[in-house]
Amino acid sequence: MNVEVRGKKDVKVTQRLQEHAEKKLSKLDKFIDDSKTAQVALSSEGDLFKVEVTIPLNEIYGTGNVCSGRTGR
């Protein structure tokens, strides 16, 4: 499965964030065809970070929040 990671608003996608998203989503490889592309959107609101993952499956889109949490600020 291909993984496209993008940052919304002021979130910069670093190599480490890209690799982390790919590692976590690789667990789905046994269920999802290699030709599919997972779209990952990273955003922040104050000290909260949000990750949205969208994967098209047979013309049906599965979207959900992977996680959200607070920073240690």
N, C-alpha and C. Protein backbone atom coordinates (compact mmCIF):
# COMPACT_ATOMS: atom_id res chain seq x y z
N MET A 1 0.85 -1.17 0.00
CA MET A 1 0.00 0.00 0.00
C MET A 1 0.90 1.24 0.00
N ASN A 2 0.55 2.19 -0.83
CA ASN A 2 1.26 3.46 -0.86
C ASN A 2 0.69 4.38 0.21
N VAL A 3 1.54 5.22 0.76
CA VAL A 3 1.11 6.15 1.82
C VAL A 3 1.50 7.57 1.41
N GLU A 4 0.51 8.46 1.34
CA GLU A 4 0.75 9.88 1.07
C GLU A 4 0.45 10.65 2.35
N VAL A 5 1.45 11.34 2.87
CA VAL A 5 1.28 12.10 4.11
C VAL A 5 1.37 13.58 3.78
N ARG A 6 0.41 14.36 4.26
CA ARG A 6 0.45 15.80 4.06
C ARG A 6 0.06 16.50 5.35
N GLY A 7 0.59 17.68 5.52
CA GLY A 7 0.28 18.48 6.69
C GLY A 7 -0.74 19.55 6.35
N LYS A 8 -1.72 19.72 7.22
CA LYS A 8 -2.70 20.79 7.07
C LYS A 8 -2.24 21.97 7.92
N LYS A 9 -2.67 23.14 7.52
CA LYS A 9 -2.37 24.38 8.25
C LYS A 9 -0.87 24.53 8.44
N ASP A 10 -0.38 24.53 9.66
CA ASP A 10 1.03 24.80 9.94
C ASP A 10 1.82 23.55 10.32
N VAL A 11 1.35 22.36 9.98
CA VAL A 11 2.05 21.13 10.31
C VAL A 11 3.00 20.78 9.17
N LYS A 12 4.28 20.68 9.50
CA LYS A 12 5.29 20.31 8.51
C LYS A 12 5.54 18.81 8.62
N VAL A 13 5.48 18.12 7.49
CA VAL A 13 5.69 16.67 7.46
C VAL A 13 7.19 16.41 7.36
N THR A 14 7.74 15.86 8.42
CA THR A 14 9.16 15.52 8.43
C THR A 14 9.34 14.08 7.96
N GLN A 15 10.58 13.72 7.68
CA GLN A 15 10.88 12.35 7.27
C GLN A 15 10.47 11.37 8.37
N ARG A 16 10.67 11.74 9.62
CA ARG A 16 10.31 10.87 10.74
C ARG A 16 8.80 10.64 10.81
N LEU A 17 8.00 11.69 10.59
CA LEU A 17 6.54 11.54 10.59
C LEU A 17 6.10 10.65 9.43
N GLN A 18 6.71 10.83 8.26
CA GLN A 18 6.40 10.01 7.09
C GLN A 18 6.68 8.54 7.38
N GLU A 19 7.85 8.26 7.94
CA GLU A 19 8.22 6.88 8.26
C GLU A 19 7.31 6.27 9.32
N HIS A 20 6.92 7.07 10.31
CA HIS A 20 6.05 6.57 11.38
C HIS A 20 4.68 6.20 10.81
N ALA A 21 4.13 7.05 9.95
CA ALA A 21 2.84 6.76 9.33
C ALA A 21 2.92 5.49 8.48
N GLU A 22 3.99 5.36 7.70
CA GLU A 22 4.17 4.17 6.87
C GLU A 22 4.29 2.91 7.71
N LYS A 23 5.01 3.00 8.82
CA LYS A 23 5.18 1.84 9.71
C LYS A 23 3.84 1.41 10.31
N LYS A 24 3.08 2.37 10.81
CA LYS A 24 1.79 2.04 11.43
C LYS A 24 0.80 1.48 10.42
N LEU A 25 0.75 2.06 9.23
CA LEU A 25 -0.19 1.61 8.21
C LEU A 25 0.25 0.31 7.54
N SER A 26 1.52 -0.05 7.67
CA SER A 26 2.00 -1.31 7.08
C SER A 26 1.32 -2.52 7.71
N LYS A 27 0.77 -2.35 8.89
CA LYS A 27 0.05 -3.44 9.56
C LYS A 27 -1.22 -3.82 8.80
N LEU A 28 -1.70 -2.92 7.94
CA LEU A 28 -2.91 -3.19 7.16
C LEU A 28 -2.60 -3.85 5.82
N ASP A 29 -1.32 -4.01 5.48
CA ASP A 29 -0.93 -4.57 4.19
C ASP A 29 -1.53 -5.94 3.92
N LYS A 30 -1.72 -6.74 4.95
CA LYS A 30 -2.27 -8.08 4.73
C LYS A 30 -3.76 -8.05 4.36
N PHE A 31 -4.41 -6.89 4.57
CA PHE A 31 -5.83 -6.76 4.27
C PHE A 31 -6.11 -5.92 3.02
N ILE A 32 -5.14 -5.09 2.63
CA ILE A 32 -5.37 -4.12 1.56
C ILE A 32 -4.39 -4.35 0.42
N ASP A 33 -4.90 -4.28 -0.80
CA ASP A 33 -4.13 -4.46 -2.02
C ASP A 33 -2.99 -3.44 -2.11
N ASP A 34 -1.85 -3.88 -2.67
CA ASP A 34 -0.69 -3.00 -2.81
C ASP A 34 -0.93 -1.81 -3.72
N SER A 35 -1.91 -1.89 -4.60
CA SER A 35 -2.16 -0.80 -5.54
C SER A 35 -2.95 0.35 -4.90
N LYS A 36 -3.44 0.18 -3.69
CA LYS A 36 -4.22 1.22 -3.00
C LYS A 36 -3.29 2.26 -2.39
N THR A 37 -3.81 3.47 -2.22
CA THR A 37 -3.05 4.56 -1.61
C THR A 37 -3.80 5.09 -0.40
N ALA A 38 -3.12 5.10 0.73
CA ALA A 38 -3.67 5.67 1.96
C ALA A 38 -3.28 7.14 2.02
N GLN A 39 -4.24 8.01 2.25
CA GLN A 39 -3.98 9.43 2.38
C GLN A 39 -4.04 9.79 3.86
N VAL A 40 -2.94 10.35 4.36
CA VAL A 40 -2.82 10.71 5.77
C VAL A 40 -2.73 12.23 5.86
N ALA A 41 -3.61 12.83 6.66
CA ALA A 41 -3.61 14.28 6.86
C ALA A 41 -3.31 14.57 8.33
N LEU A 42 -2.28 15.37 8.56
CA LEU A 42 -1.88 15.76 9.92
C LEU A 42 -2.30 17.20 10.15
N SER A 43 -2.93 17.48 11.28
CA SER A 43 -3.33 18.84 11.60
C SER A 43 -3.16 19.10 13.09
N SER A 44 -3.16 20.37 13.44
CA SER A 44 -3.05 20.73 14.86
C SER A 44 -4.03 21.85 15.16
N GLU A 45 -4.53 21.81 16.38
CA GLU A 45 -5.41 22.85 16.90
C GLU A 45 -4.95 23.14 18.32
N GLY A 46 -4.23 24.23 18.49
CA GLY A 46 -3.66 24.52 19.80
C GLY A 46 -2.58 23.50 20.12
N ASP A 47 -2.74 22.81 21.24
CA ASP A 47 -1.76 21.78 21.60
C ASP A 47 -2.26 20.37 21.27
N LEU A 48 -3.35 20.26 20.49
CA LEU A 48 -3.87 18.96 20.05
C LEU A 48 -3.39 18.65 18.64
N PHE A 49 -3.02 17.42 18.40
CA PHE A 49 -2.66 16.96 17.07
C PHE A 49 -3.66 15.91 16.62
N LYS A 50 -4.02 15.94 15.34
CA LYS A 50 -5.03 15.05 14.81
C LYS A 50 -4.47 14.37 13.55
N VAL A 51 -4.76 13.07 13.41
CA VAL A 51 -4.34 12.31 12.24
C VAL A 51 -5.59 11.72 11.61
N GLU A 52 -5.80 12.01 10.32
CA GLU A 52 -6.92 11.46 9.58
C GLU A 52 -6.37 10.57 8.47
N VAL A 53 -6.90 9.37 8.36
CA VAL A 53 -6.46 8.42 7.35
C VAL A 53 -7.65 8.06 6.46
N THR A 54 -7.46 8.16 5.15
CA THR A 54 -8.49 7.79 4.19
C THR A 54 -7.91 6.76 3.24
N ILE A 55 -8.61 5.62 3.11
CA ILE A 55 -8.19 4.55 2.21
C ILE A 55 -9.39 4.14 1.35
N PRO A 56 -9.28 4.33 0.03
CA PRO A 56 -10.39 3.90 -0.83
C PRO A 56 -10.39 2.37 -0.98
N LEU A 57 -11.54 1.75 -0.73
CA LEU A 57 -11.67 0.30 -0.81
C LEU A 57 -12.86 -0.04 -1.68
N ASN A 58 -12.63 -0.54 -2.89
CA ASN A 58 -13.71 -0.95 -3.79
C ASN A 58 -14.79 0.11 -3.92
N GLU A 59 -14.36 1.32 -4.22
CA GLU A 59 -15.24 2.47 -4.41
C GLU A 59 -15.97 2.90 -3.14
N ILE A 60 -15.59 2.36 -2.01
CA ILE A 60 -16.12 2.78 -0.71
C ILE A 60 -14.94 3.37 0.05
N TYR A 61 -15.14 4.50 0.67
CA TYR A 61 -14.05 5.14 1.39
C TYR A 61 -14.18 4.89 2.89
N GLY A 62 -13.09 4.42 3.49
CA GLY A 62 -13.06 4.25 4.94
C GLY A 62 -12.23 5.37 5.52
N THR A 63 -12.82 6.17 6.37
CA THR A 63 -12.11 7.29 6.97
C THR A 63 -12.27 7.21 8.48
N GLY A 64 -11.21 7.53 9.18
CA GLY A 64 -11.30 7.52 10.63
C GLY A 64 -10.13 8.22 11.27
N ASN A 65 -10.27 8.58 12.50
CA ASN A 65 -9.18 9.18 13.26
C ASN A 65 -8.32 8.06 13.81
N VAL A 66 -7.04 8.15 13.50
CA VAL A 66 -6.12 7.16 14.04
C VAL A 66 -5.82 7.49 15.48
N CYS A 67 -5.53 8.75 15.74
CA CYS A 67 -5.25 9.16 17.11
C CYS A 67 -5.32 10.67 17.21
N SER A 68 -5.47 11.14 18.39
CA SER A 68 -5.31 12.55 18.67
C SER A 68 -4.82 12.65 20.09
N GLY A 69 -3.99 13.61 20.36
CA GLY A 69 -3.44 13.73 21.70
C GLY A 69 -2.85 15.09 21.94
N ARG A 70 -2.45 15.33 23.15
CA ARG A 70 -1.87 16.61 23.52
C ARG A 70 -0.35 16.53 23.52
N THR A 71 0.25 17.65 23.24
CA THR A 71 1.70 17.72 23.31
C THR A 71 2.11 17.96 24.75
N GLY A 72 3.36 17.82 25.02
CA GLY A 72 3.86 18.01 26.38
C GLY A 72 4.18 19.44 26.69
N ARG A 73 3.52 20.38 26.06
CA ARG A 73 3.81 21.80 26.29
C ARG A 73 3.32 22.28 27.61
